[in-house]
Structure formats: C-alpha cells, structure tokens
Amino acid sequence: MDIDRLQEIMQSAQLVNISFHGIPVYIQEINLENQTATVFPLDEMENEQIVDLNGLYEEGPF
C-alpha cells in the first residue's frame, strides 16, 4: 500500500477499512525505513504483528 496514503489514513479522523491478506486490521505504527507496519487483527487485539506494507489494502470507508 502507498506510504503516503497510509500516513493520511492514520492522521484522519475518519475510519477506513484496511486489511492484511483479507483480514481486517488496525494500524498502530508505520516504519518507513523498513517499509513495515505494526498492526493487529480487529478480532484479536492481543495479536500484534509487524507486516510488510505491500500486504495492506484499503477497502474503503468504515
């Protein structure tokens, strides 16, 4: 996913559906240097993961 769009989404007050390989996730942090994001599945908030930005997809407004 485009880094600029991810940063825009994180700064926005609007909720946007983001998924990682089809699983809805919440983005906690973006690491620009490593091109990764810290996320957790919406139904498993304790399951924090570091994922590649290319695996994230915007699915539209919440």
Protein backbone atom coordinates (compact mmCIF):
# COMPACT_ATOMS: atom_id res chain seq x y z
CA MET A 1 0.00 0.00 0.00
CA ASP A 2 1.20 3.54 -0.67
CA ILE A 3 3.05 5.00 2.32
CA ASP A 4 1.61 8.49 1.85
CA ARG A 5 -1.93 7.10 1.86
CA LEU A 6 -1.23 5.06 5.00
CA GLN A 7 0.03 8.15 6.80
CA GLU A 8 -3.02 10.10 5.63
CA ILE A 9 -5.32 7.37 6.97
CA MET A 10 -3.55 7.30 10.33
CA GLN A 11 -3.92 11.09 10.72
CA SER A 12 -7.54 11.13 9.62
CA ALA A 13 -10.50 11.18 11.98
CA GLN A 14 -12.40 9.01 9.50
CA LEU A 15 -12.25 5.24 9.96
CA VAL A 16 -11.03 3.38 6.88
CA ASN A 17 -11.16 -0.38 6.37
CA ILE A 18 -7.63 -1.76 5.99
CA SER A 19 -6.91 -5.44 5.55
CA PHE A 20 -3.81 -7.61 5.58
CA HIS A 21 -4.30 -10.61 3.29
CA GLY A 22 -8.06 -10.29 3.68
CA ILE A 23 -8.04 -9.88 7.49
CA PRO A 24 -9.29 -6.51 8.80
CA VAL A 25 -6.53 -4.83 10.85
CA TYR A 26 -5.81 -1.74 12.91
CA ILE A 27 -2.55 0.06 12.08
CA GLN A 28 -0.66 1.13 15.19
CA GLU A 29 2.57 2.36 13.63
CA ILE A 30 4.36 2.68 10.29
CA ASN A 31 8.11 2.09 9.95
CA LEU A 32 9.19 3.98 6.83
CA GLU A 33 12.77 2.72 6.97
CA ASN A 34 11.78 -0.96 6.94
CA GLN A 35 8.60 -0.49 4.85
CA THR A 36 6.59 -2.27 7.55
CA ALA A 37 3.63 -1.54 9.79
CA THR A 38 2.70 -2.71 13.26
CA VAL A 39 -0.88 -3.97 13.10
CA PHE A 40 -3.32 -6.20 14.93
CA PRO A 41 -6.41 -8.02 13.65
CA LEU A 42 -9.60 -6.30 14.79
CA ASP A 43 -10.87 -9.54 16.33
CA GLU A 44 -7.54 -10.38 18.04
CA MET A 45 -6.26 -7.15 19.55
CA GLU A 46 -3.61 -9.00 21.58
CA ASN A 47 -2.09 -10.50 18.39
CA GLU A 48 0.19 -7.62 17.36
CA GLN A 49 2.22 -8.25 14.21
CA ILE A 50 4.80 -6.46 12.07
CA VAL A 51 3.81 -6.79 8.42
CA ASP A 52 5.08 -5.65 5.03
CA LEU A 53 3.30 -2.57 3.65
CA ASN A 54 2.69 -4.36 0.36
CA GLY A 55 0.30 -6.75 2.12
CA LEU A 56 -2.01 -3.94 3.30
CA TYR A 57 -5.06 -2.95 1.24
CA GLU A 58 -7.62 -0.19 1.63
CA GLU A 59 -11.16 -1.48 1.43
CA GLY A 60 -12.98 1.86 1.67
CA PRO A 61 -14.60 3.88 4.46
CA PHE A 62 -15.74 2.07 7.58
